[in-house]
C-alpha atoms as a PDB file:
ATOM      1  CA  UNK A   1     -67.266   1.889  10.534  1.00  0.00           C
ATOM      2  CA  UNK A   2     -70.599   1.962  12.330  1.00  0.00           C
ATOM      3  CA  UNK A   3     -72.816  -1.046  12.908  1.00  0.00           C
ATOM      4  CA  UNK A   4     -75.343   0.388  10.452  1.00  0.00           C
ATOM      5  CA  UNK A   5     -72.696   0.709   7.714  1.00  0.00           C
ATOM      6  CA  UNK A   6     -71.461  -2.829   8.350  1.00  0.00           C
ATOM      7  CA  UNK A   7     -75.027  -4.049   8.099  1.00  0.00           C
ATOM      8  CA  UNK A   8     -75.487  -2.379   4.702  1.00  0.00           C
ATOM      9  CA  UNK A   9     -72.275  -3.951   3.389  1.00  0.00           C
ATOM     10  CA  UNK A  10     -73.325  -7.373   4.737  1.00  0.00           C
ATOM     11  CA  UNK A  11     -76.743  -7.062   3.095  1.00  0.00           C
ATOM     12  CA  UNK A  12     -75.138  -6.100  -0.218  1.00  0.00           C
ATOM     13  CA  UNK A  13     -72.799  -9.106  -0.010  1.00  0.00           C
ATOM     14  CA  UNK A  14     -75.686 -11.424   0.830  1.00  0.00           C
ATOM     15  CA  UNK A  15     -77.421 -10.217  -2.313  1.00  0.00           C
ATOM     16  CA  UNK A  16     -74.392 -11.215  -4.383  1.00  0.00           C
ATOM     17  CA  UNK A  17     -73.137 -14.333  -2.616  1.00  0.00           C
ATOM     18  CA  UNK A  18     -75.241 -17.170  -1.229  1.00  0.00           C
ATOM     19  CA  UNK A  19     -72.144 -19.129  -0.105  1.00  0.00           C
ATOM     20  CA  UNK A  20     -73.089 -22.153  -2.196  1.00  0.00           C
ATOM     21  CA  UNK A  21     -70.854 -22.069  -5.293  1.00  0.00           C
ATOM     22  CA  UNK A  22     -70.272 -25.784  -4.619  1.00  0.00           C
ATOM     23  CA  UNK A  23     -73.742 -26.562  -5.995  1.00  0.00           C
ATOM     24  CA  UNK A  24     -72.915 -24.881  -9.320  1.00  0.00           C
ATOM     25  CA  UNK A  25     -69.606 -26.769  -9.490  1.00  0.00           C
ATOM     26  CA  UNK A  26     -71.258 -30.131  -8.773  1.00  0.00           C
ATOM     27  CA  UNK A  27     -73.806 -29.535 -11.516  1.00  0.00           C
ATOM     28  CA  UNK A  28     -71.013 -28.580 -13.926  1.00  0.00           C
ATOM     29  CA  UNK A  29     -69.115 -31.812 -13.340  1.00  0.00           C
ATOM     30  CA  UNK A  30     -72.261 -33.908 -13.734  1.00  0.00           C
ATOM     31  CA  UNK A  31     -72.940 -32.283 -17.095  1.00  0.00           C
ATOM     32  CA  UNK A  32     -69.300 -32.719 -18.095  1.00  0.00           C
ATOM     33  CA  UNK A  33     -69.508 -36.490 -17.552  1.00  0.00           C
ATOM     34  CA  UNK A  34     -72.124 -36.780 -20.279  1.00  0.00           C
ATOM     35  CA  UNK A  35     -70.326 -34.573 -22.787  1.00  0.00           C
ATOM     36  CA  UNK A  36     -68.232 -35.674 -25.748  1.00  0.00           C
ATOM     37  CA  UNK A  37     -64.726 -35.611 -24.291  1.00  0.00           C
ATOM     38  CA  UNK A  38     -63.226 -35.584 -27.775  1.00  0.00           C
ATOM     39  CA  UNK A  39     -64.652 -32.073 -28.128  1.00  0.00           C
ATOM     40  CA  UNK A  40     -63.385 -31.015 -24.704  1.00  0.00           C
ATOM     41  CA  UNK A  41     -59.789 -32.080 -25.304  1.00  0.00           C
ATOM     42  CA  UNK A  42     -59.679 -30.814 -28.896  1.00  0.00           C
ATOM     43  CA  UNK A  43     -58.483 -27.390 -27.779  1.00  0.00           C
ATOM     44  CA  UNK A  44     -55.407 -29.009 -26.241  1.00  0.00           C
ATOM     45  CA  UNK A  45     -54.001 -30.128 -29.585  1.00  0.00           C
ATOM     46  CA  UNK A  46     -53.694 -26.702 -31.234  1.00  0.00           C
ATOM     47  CA  UNK A  47     -50.676 -25.533 -29.171  1.00  0.00           C
ATOM     48  CA  UNK A  48     -49.126 -29.019 -29.425  1.00  0.00           C
ATOM     49  CA  UNK A  49     -49.295 -28.814 -33.218  1.00  0.00           C
ATOM     50  CA  UNK A  50     -47.752 -25.346 -33.080  1.00  0.00           C
ATOM     51  CA  UNK A  51     -44.921 -26.729 -30.939  1.00  0.00           C
ATOM     52  CA  UNK A  52     -44.245 -29.567 -33.360  1.00  0.00           C
ATOM     53  CA  UNK A  53     -44.512 -27.441 -36.490  1.00  0.00           C
ATOM     54  CA  UNK A  54     -42.805 -24.279 -35.272  1.00  0.00           C
ATOM     55  CA  UNK A  55     -40.553 -25.499 -32.483  1.00  0.00           C
ATOM     56  CA  UNK A  56     -39.067 -28.470 -34.270  1.00  0.00           C
ATOM     57  CA  UNK A  57     -39.899 -27.623 -37.894  1.00  0.00           C
ATOM     58  CA  UNK A  58     -39.054 -23.936 -38.139  1.00  0.00           C
ATOM     59  CA  UNK A  59     -36.783 -24.280 -35.119  1.00  0.00           C
ATOM     60  CA  UNK A  60     -34.273 -26.177 -37.223  1.00  0.00           C
ATOM     61  CA  UNK A  61     -33.831 -23.017 -39.306  1.00  0.00           C
ATOM     62  CA  UNK A  62     -33.965 -20.531 -36.419  1.00  0.00           C
ATOM     63  CA  UNK A  63     -31.470 -22.298 -34.144  1.00  0.00           C
ATOM     64  CA  UNK A  64     -31.232 -20.518 -30.784  1.00  0.00           C
ATOM     65  CA  UNK A  65     -32.790 -17.328 -29.417  1.00  0.00           C
ATOM     66  CA  UNK A  66     -32.086 -15.275 -26.307  1.00  0.00           C
ATOM     67  CA  UNK A  67     -34.001 -16.460 -23.239  1.00  0.00           C
ATOM     68  CA  UNK A  68     -35.279 -14.407 -20.260  1.00  0.00           C
ATOM     69  CA  UNK A  69     -31.944 -14.850 -18.450  1.00  0.00           C
ATOM     70  CA  UNK A  70     -29.969 -13.571 -21.417  1.00  0.00           C
ATOM     71  CA  UNK A  71     -28.646 -17.018 -22.263  1.00  0.00           C
ATOM     72  CA  UNK A  72     -29.265 -18.643 -25.676  1.00  0.00           C
ATOM     73  CA  UNK A  73     -31.871 -21.408 -25.676  1.00  0.00           C
ATOM     74  CA  UNK A  74     -33.281 -23.656 -28.372  1.00  0.00           C
ATOM     75  CA  UNK A  75     -36.218 -22.206 -30.262  1.00  0.00           C
ATOM     76  CA  UNK A  76     -38.500 -25.069 -29.163  1.00  0.00           C
ATOM     77  CA  UNK A  77     -37.658 -24.356 -25.515  1.00  0.00           C
ATOM     78  CA  UNK A  78     -38.382 -20.661 -26.158  1.00  0.00           C
ATOM     79  CA  UNK A  79     -41.891 -21.134 -27.525  1.00  0.00           C
ATOM     80  CA  UNK A  80     -42.973 -24.121 -25.380  1.00  0.00           C
ATOM     81  CA  UNK A  81     -43.694 -22.069 -22.192  1.00  0.00           C
ATOM     82  CA  UNK A  82     -45.571 -19.527 -24.313  1.00  0.00           C
ATOM     83  CA  UNK A  83     -47.694 -22.275 -25.823  1.00  0.00           C
ATOM     84  CA  UNK A  84     -48.401 -23.644 -22.333  1.00  0.00           C
ATOM     85  CA  UNK A  85     -49.790 -20.236 -21.371  1.00  0.00           C
ATOM     86  CA  UNK A  86     -51.806 -20.252 -24.596  1.00  0.00           C
ATOM     87  CA  UNK A  87     -53.130 -23.733 -23.815  1.00  0.00           C
ATOM     88  CA  UNK A  88     -54.373 -22.580 -20.408  1.00  0.00           C
ATOM     89  CA  UNK A  89     -55.944 -19.510 -22.011  1.00  0.00           C
ATOM     90  CA  UNK A  90     -57.713 -21.568 -24.675  1.00  0.00           C
ATOM     91  CA  UNK A  91     -59.188 -24.024 -22.191  1.00  0.00           C
ATOM     92  CA  UNK A  92     -60.520 -21.268 -19.965  1.00  0.00           C
ATOM     93  CA  UNK A  93     -61.795 -18.987 -22.719  1.00  0.00           C
ATOM     94  CA  UNK A  94     -63.612 -21.678 -24.710  1.00  0.00           C
ATOM     95  CA  UNK A  95     -65.448 -22.880 -21.611  1.00  0.00           C
ATOM     96  CA  UNK A  96     -66.287 -19.439 -20.248  1.00  0.00           C
ATOM     97  CA  UNK A  97     -67.562 -18.031 -23.545  1.00  0.00           C
ATOM     98  CA  UNK A  98     -69.419 -20.546 -25.727  1.00  0.00           C
ATOM     99  CA  UNK A  99     -70.741 -22.695 -22.878  1.00  0.00           C
ATOM    100  CA  UNK A 100     -71.714 -19.647 -20.847  1.00  0.00           C
ATOM    101  CA  UNK A 101     -73.316 -18.013 -23.896  1.00  0.00           C
ATOM    102  CA  UNK A 102     -75.603 -21.000 -24.454  1.00  0.00           C
ATOM    103  CA  UNK A 103     -76.607 -21.168 -20.770  1.00  0.00           C
ATOM    104  CA  UNK A 104     -77.164 -17.430 -20.627  1.00  0.00           C
ATOM    105  CA  UNK A 105     -79.041 -16.749 -23.873  1.00  0.00           C
ATOM    106  CA  UNK A 106     -80.736 -20.043 -24.795  1.00  0.00           C
ATOM    107  CA  UNK A 107     -81.055 -22.428 -21.838  1.00  0.00           C
ATOM    108  CA  UNK A 108     -81.807 -19.525 -19.461  1.00  0.00           C
ATOM    109  CA  UNK A 109     -80.003 -21.564 -16.839  1.00  0.00           C
ATOM    110  CA  UNK A 110     -78.608 -18.673 -14.818  1.00  0.00           C
ATOM    111  CA  UNK A 111     -81.980 -17.036 -14.576  1.00  0.00           C
ATOM    112  CA  UNK A 112     -83.330 -20.255 -13.014  1.00  0.00           C
ATOM    113  CA  UNK A 113     -80.337 -20.560 -10.673  1.00  0.00           C
ATOM    114  CA  UNK A 114     -80.790 -17.028  -9.373  1.00  0.00           C
ATOM    115  CA  UNK A 115     -84.398 -17.774  -8.426  1.00  0.00           C
ATOM    116  CA  UNK A 116     -82.991 -20.103  -5.750  1.00  0.00           C
ATOM    117  CA  UNK A 117     -80.777 -19.265  -2.777  1.00  0.00           C
ATOM    118  CA  UNK A 118     -77.788 -18.930  -5.114  1.00  0.00           C
ATOM    119  CA  UNK A 119     -76.381 -15.477  -5.700  1.00  0.00           C
ATOM    120  CA  UNK A 120     -74.616 -14.040  -8.762  1.00  0.00           C
ATOM    121  CA  UNK A 121     -71.232 -14.554  -7.100  1.00  0.00           C
ATOM    122  CA  UNK A 122     -72.001 -18.262  -6.568  1.00  0.00           C
ATOM    123  CA  UNK A 123     -72.834 -18.659 -10.264  1.00  0.00           C
ATOM    124  CA  UNK A 124     -69.773 -16.690 -11.381  1.00  0.00           C
ATOM    125  CA  UNK A 125     -67.378 -18.588  -9.108  1.00  0.00           C
ATOM    126  CA  UNK A 126     -68.882 -21.963 -10.021  1.00  0.00           C
ATOM    127  CA  UNK A 127     -68.722 -21.407 -13.777  1.00  0.00           C
ATOM    128  CA  UNK A 128     -65.220 -19.954 -13.596  1.00  0.00           C
ATOM    129  CA  UNK A 129     -64.084 -22.986 -11.593  1.00  0.00           C
ATOM    130  CA  UNK A 130     -65.376 -25.327 -14.307  1.00  0.00           C
ATOM    131  CA  UNK A 131     -63.538 -23.306 -16.939  1.00  0.00           C
ATOM    132  CA  UNK A 132     -60.467 -23.421 -14.685  1.00  0.00           C
ATOM    133  CA  UNK A 133     -60.677 -27.215 -14.603  1.00  0.00           C
ATOM    134  CA  UNK A 134     -60.590 -27.355 -18.393  1.00  0.00           C
ATOM    135  CA  UNK A 135     -57.579 -25.028 -18.413  1.00  0.00           C
ATOM    136  CA  UNK A 136     -55.935 -27.285 -15.825  1.00  0.00           C
ATOM    137  CA  UNK A 137     -56.402 -30.356 -18.043  1.00  0.00           C
ATOM    138  CA  UNK A 138     -54.831 -28.557 -20.983  1.00  0.00           C
ATOM    139  CA  UNK A 139     -51.918 -27.290 -18.882  1.00  0.00           C
ATOM    140  CA  UNK A 140     -51.087 -30.672 -17.360  1.00  0.00           C
ATOM    141  CA  UNK A 141     -51.331 -32.375 -20.747  1.00  0.00           C
ATOM    142  CA  UNK A 142     -49.009 -29.848 -22.340  1.00  0.00           C
ATOM    143  CA  UNK A 143     -46.534 -30.131 -19.445  1.00  0.00           C
ATOM    144  CA  UNK A 144     -46.380 -33.888 -20.090  1.00  0.00           C
ATOM    145  CA  UNK A 145     -45.624 -33.168 -23.761  1.00  0.00           C
ATOM    146  CA  UNK A 146     -42.858 -30.736 -22.772  1.00  0.00           C
ATOM    147  CA  UNK A 147     -41.372 -33.267 -20.375  1.00  0.00           C
ATOM    148  CA  UNK A 148     -41.430 -36.000 -23.014  1.00  0.00           C
ATOM    149  CA  UNK A 149     -39.642 -33.704 -25.461  1.00  0.00           C
ATOM    150  CA  UNK A 150     -36.941 -32.732 -22.966  1.00  0.00           C
ATOM    151  CA  UNK A 151     -38.014 -29.093 -22.778  1.00  0.00           C
ATOM    152  CA  UNK A 152     -38.118 -28.949 -18.958  1.00  0.00           C
ATOM    153  CA  UNK A 153     -34.751 -27.539 -17.832  1.00  0.00           C
ATOM    154  CA  UNK A 154     -35.360 -26.069 -14.365  1.00  0.00           C
ATOM    155  CA  UNK A 155     -36.915 -27.320 -11.099  1.00  0.00           C
ATOM    156  CA  UNK A 156     -38.899 -24.064 -11.031  1.00  0.00           C
ATOM    157  CA  UNK A 157     -40.821 -25.367 -14.033  1.00  0.00           C
ATOM    158  CA  UNK A 158     -43.055 -27.352 -11.654  1.00  0.00           C
ATOM    159  CA  UNK A 159     -44.683 -24.020 -10.783  1.00  0.00           C
ATOM    160  CA  UNK A 160     -45.841 -23.662 -14.361  1.00  0.00           C
ATOM    161  CA  UNK A 161     -48.922 -25.800 -13.611  1.00  0.00           C
ATOM    162  CA  UNK A 162     -50.272 -23.598 -10.768  1.00  0.00           C
ATOM    163  CA  UNK A 163     -49.334 -20.531 -12.796  1.00  0.00           C
ATOM    164  CA  UNK A 164     -51.340 -21.975 -15.701  1.00  0.00           C
ATOM    165  CA  UNK A 165     -54.302 -22.154 -13.303  1.00  0.00           C
ATOM    166  CA  UNK A 166     -53.789 -18.500 -12.389  1.00  0.00           C
ATOM    167  CA  UNK A 167     -53.754 -17.594 -16.082  1.00  0.00           C
ATOM    168  CA  UNK A 168     -56.884 -19.697 -16.637  1.00  0.00           C
ATOM    169  CA  UNK A 169     -58.746 -17.950 -13.795  1.00  0.00           C
ATOM    170  CA  UNK A 170     -57.905 -14.556 -15.239  1.00  0.00           C
ATOM    171  CA  UNK A 171     -59.073 -15.415 -18.745  1.00  0.00           C
ATOM    172  CA  UNK A 172     -62.132 -17.344 -17.556  1.00  0.00           C
ATOM    173  CA  UNK A 173     -63.378 -14.437 -15.443  1.00  0.00           C
ATOM    174  CA  UNK A 174     -62.723 -11.988 -18.284  1.00  0.00           C
ATOM    175  CA  UNK A 175     -64.346 -14.301 -20.839  1.00  0.00           C
ATOM    176  CA  UNK A 176     -67.510 -14.754 -18.810  1.00  0.00           C
ATOM    177  CA  UNK A 177     -67.809 -11.019 -18.166  1.00  0.00           C
ATOM    178  CA  UNK A 178     -67.469 -10.214 -21.875  1.00  0.00           C
ATOM    179  CA  UNK A 179     -69.916 -12.977 -22.858  1.00  0.00           C
ATOM    180  CA  UNK A 180     -72.582 -11.412 -20.665  1.00  0.00           C
ATOM    181  CA  UNK A 181     -72.743  -8.546 -23.193  1.00  0.00           C
ATOM    182  CA  UNK A 182     -72.960 -10.710 -26.331  1.00  0.00           C
ATOM    183  CA  UNK A 183     -76.390 -11.572 -27.706  1.00  0.00           C
ATOM    184  CA  UNK A 184     -75.850 -13.502 -30.972  1.00  0.00           C
ATOM    185  CA  UNK A 185     -73.594 -16.135 -32.495  1.00  0.00           C
ATOM    186  CA  UNK A 186     -72.253 -13.505 -34.879  1.00  0.00           C
ATOM    187  CA  UNK A 187     -71.086 -11.423 -31.922  1.00  0.00           C
ATOM    188  CA  UNK A 188     -69.449 -14.506 -30.411  1.00  0.00           C
ATOM    189  CA  UNK A 189     -67.111 -14.569 -33.423  1.00  0.00           C
ATOM    190  CA  UNK A 190     -65.550 -11.429 -31.958  1.00  0.00           C
ATOM    191  CA  UNK A 191     -64.013 -13.608 -29.240  1.00  0.00           C
ATOM    192  CA  UNK A 192     -61.970 -15.576 -31.782  1.00  0.00           C
ATOM    193  CA  UNK A 193     -61.123 -12.380 -33.654  1.00  0.00           C
ATOM    194  CA  UNK A 194     -59.615 -11.021 -30.440  1.00  0.00           C
ATOM    195  CA  UNK A 195     -57.806 -14.232 -29.453  1.00  0.00           C
ATOM    196  CA  UNK A 196     -55.927 -14.848 -32.690  1.00  0.00           C
ATOM    197  CA  UNK A 197     -54.105 -11.486 -32.870  1.00  0.00           C
ATOM    198  CA  UNK A 198     -53.354 -11.674 -29.156  1.00  0.00           C
ATOM    199  CA  UNK A 199     -51.775 -15.096 -29.669  1.00  0.00           C
ATOM    200  CA  UNK A 200     -49.720 -13.971 -32.659  1.00  0.00           C
ATOM    201  CA  UNK A 201     -48.567 -10.649 -31.161  1.00  0.00           C
ATOM    202  CA  UNK A 202     -47.863 -11.652 -27.537  1.00  0.00           C
ATOM    203  CA  UNK A 203     -44.259 -12.709 -28.238  1.00  0.00           C
ATOM    204  CA  UNK A 204     -45.327 -16.348 -28.294  1.00  0.00           C
ATOM    205  CA  UNK A 205     -43.366 -17.305 -31.400  1.00  0.00           C
ATOM    206  CA  UNK A 206     -40.652 -14.622 -31.462  1.00  0.00           C
ATOM    207  CA  UNK A 207     -39.074 -12.111 -29.039  1.00  0.00           C
ATOM    208  CA  UNK A 208     -40.942  -8.894 -28.403  1.00  0.00           C
ATOM    209  CA  UNK A 209     -37.876  -6.911 -29.483  1.00  0.00           C
ATOM    210  CA  UNK A 210     -38.736  -7.525 -33.153  1.00  0.00           C
ATOM    211  CA  UNK A 211     -41.571  -4.981 -32.817  1.00  0.00           C
ATOM    212  CA  UNK A 212     -41.194  -1.189 -32.905  1.00  0.00           C
ATOM    213  CA  UNK A 213     -41.261   0.422 -29.466  1.00  0.00           C
ATOM    214  CA  UNK A 214     -44.835   1.702 -29.814  1.00  0.00           C
ATOM    215  CA  UNK A 215     -46.072  -1.783 -30.718  1.00  0.00           C
ATOM    216  CA  UNK A 216     -44.132  -3.256 -27.781  1.00  0.00           C
ATOM    217  CA  UNK A 217     -46.085  -1.026 -25.385  1.00  0.00           C
ATOM    218  CA  UNK A 218     -49.349  -2.287 -26.857  1.00  0.00           C
ATOM    219  CA  UNK A 219     -48.216  -5.926 -26.612  1.00  0.00           C
ATOM    220  CA  UNK A 220     -47.147  -5.474 -22.992  1.00  0.00           C
ATOM    221  CA  UNK A 221     -50.660  -4.318 -22.094  1.00  0.00           C
ATOM    222  CA  UNK A 222     -52.213  -7.587 -23.288  1.00  0.00           C
ATOM    223  CA  UNK A 223     -52.802 -10.304 -20.670  1.00  0.00           C
ATOM    224  CA  UNK A 224     -51.355 -13.182 -22.680  1.00  0.00           C
ATOM    225  CA  UNK A 225     -47.962 -11.448 -22.901  1.00  0.00           C
ATOM    226  CA  UNK A 226     -47.761 -11.387 -19.102  1.00  0.00           C
ATOM    227  CA  UNK A 227     -48.629 -15.089 -18.993  1.00  0.00           C
ATOM    228  CA  UNK A 228     -46.014 -15.890 -21.633  1.00  0.00           C
ATOM    229  CA  UNK A 229     -43.283 -13.949 -19.826  1.00  0.00           C
ATOM    230  CA  UNK A 230     -44.194 -15.499 -16.482  1.00  0.00           C
ATOM    231  CA  UNK A 231     -44.013 -19.005 -17.944  1.00  0.00           C
ATOM    232  CA  UNK A 232     -40.660 -18.317 -19.617  1.00  0.00           C
ATOM    233  CA  UNK A 233     -39.161 -17.054 -16.356  1.00  0.00           C
ATOM    234  CA  UNK A 234     -40.196 -20.236 -14.577  1.00  0.00           C
ATOM    235  CA  UNK A 235     -39.094 -22.488 -17.432  1.00  0.00           C
ATOM    236  CA  UNK A 236     -35.452 -21.359 -17.111  1.00  0.00           C
ATOM    237  CA  UNK A 237     -35.519 -20.588 -13.379  1.00  0.00           C
ATOM    238  CA  UNK A 238     -34.990 -16.856 -13.898  1.00  0.00           C
ATOM    239  CA  UNK A 239     -36.958 -15.154 -11.106  1.00  0.00           C
ATOM    240  CA  UNK A 240     -36.917 -11.375 -10.660  1.00  0.00           C
ATOM    241  CA  UNK A 241     -39.214  -8.537  -9.637  1.00  0.00           C
ATOM    242  CA  UNK A 242     -40.877  -8.594 -13.055  1.00  0.00           C
ATOM    243  CA  UNK A 243     -41.880 -12.230 -12.422  1.00  0.00           C
ATOM    244  CA  UNK A 244     -43.946 -11.172  -9.413  1.00  0.00           C
ATOM    245  CA  UNK A 245     -45.359  -8.278 -11.439  1.00  0.00           C
ATOM    246  CA  UNK A 246     -46.628 -10.638 -14.130  1.00  0.00           C
ATOM    247  CA  UNK A 247     -48.273 -12.838 -11.478  1.00  0.00           C
ATOM    248  CA  UNK A 248     -49.848  -9.802  -9.785  1.00  0.00           C
ATOM    249  CA  UNK A 249     -51.334  -8.767 -13.134  1.00  0.00           C
ATOM    250  CA  UNK A 250     -53.362 -11.995 -13.232  1.00  0.00           C
ATOM    251  CA  UNK A 251     -54.346 -11.782  -9.564  1.00  0.00           C
ATOM    252  CA  UNK A 252     -55.852  -8.350 -10.153  1.00  0.00           C
ATOM    253  CA  UNK A 253     -57.397  -9.478 -13.446  1.00  0.00           C
ATOM    254  CA  UNK A 254     -59.034 -12.468 -11.728  1.00  0.00           C
ATOM    255  CA  UNK A 255     -60.459 -10.498  -8.788  1.00  0.00           C
ATOM    256  CA  UNK A 256     -61.867  -7.779 -11.033  1.00  0.00           C
ATOM    257  CA  UNK A 257     -63.196 -10.338 -13.519  1.00  0.00           C
ATOM    258  CA  UNK A 258     -65.084 -12.375 -10.903  1.00  0.00           C
ATOM    259  CA  UNK A 259     -66.577  -9.249  -9.341  1.00  0.00           C
ATOM    260  CA  UNK A 260     -67.518  -7.779 -12.725  1.00  0.00           C
ATOM    261  CA  UNK A 261     -69.153 -11.032 -13.843  1.00  0.00           C
ATOM    262  CA  UNK A 262     -71.171 -11.274 -10.633  1.00  0.00           C
ATOM    263  CA  UNK A 263     -72.285  -7.662 -11.013  1.00  0.00           C
ATOM    264  CA  UNK A 264     -73.355  -8.290 -14.615  1.00  0.00           C
ATOM    265  CA  UNK A 265     -75.422 -11.346 -13.646  1.00  0.00           C
ATOM    266  CA  UNK A 266     -77.066  -9.357 -10.904  1.00  0.00           C
ATOM    267  CA  UNK A 267     -77.873  -6.527 -13.314  1.00  0.00           C
ATOM    268  CA  UNK A 268     -79.291  -8.940 -15.882  1.00  0.00           C
ATOM    269  CA  UNK A 269     -81.480 -11.092 -13.661  1.00  0.00           C
ATOM    270  CA  UNK A 270     -82.006  -9.411 -10.291  1.00  0.00           C
ATOM    271  CA  UNK A 271     -83.382  -6.035 -11.312  1.00  0.00           C
END
């Protein structure tokens, strides 16, 4: 690579990244202090209610199901890791869609930010980090619930918290990228329309084998399924090549999502 080519790449990166995402993160936390925390933590309770109603209510009728290691496990222990992945997804998605939508379309906050030394990558990384923090709160809270209910059965389960962060990064970057295309509150309803089927059909509440083969292929393409499977492997300490594959899925999803979001912000405001 010649010096001229390196210079062009460096100039392109400078246009995207001002190396000051910390400023966006600091602003996010200051705003968060003044928010209604009852609203922030409300998304945590949905998977907890599912665990209580399905895991211990319906679970009394279901009994045991086959776990990732082929051994029978209680139904509550089967769905709890899946609901932890869902909790991380919810925290990240809610913060990276509705909050970002308001800042993008009404407050015009990003347009003001990009008139400073900040670049689109700084804004994308800062906002995704804030969404990641919300996903982290949900994940830790749900882990405490699982521990209190005796659903932690393997030392590997400690890795479920950092894995929840990985899942949150993936969904936050994807959520912010998608939100950049939405222009009305009616279009924002599409986010919930997409989330509910993904939750119900990602083998969260029952094994994927109940679906026909063609449907299984579709389910296995969805990101939440990979998060659910990854969490279940860690919950029982069953690590295999597929475990690394599920983690790699979210690494790639996160990298592409951050880059795509930064490119969208640049296209919107730095024409």
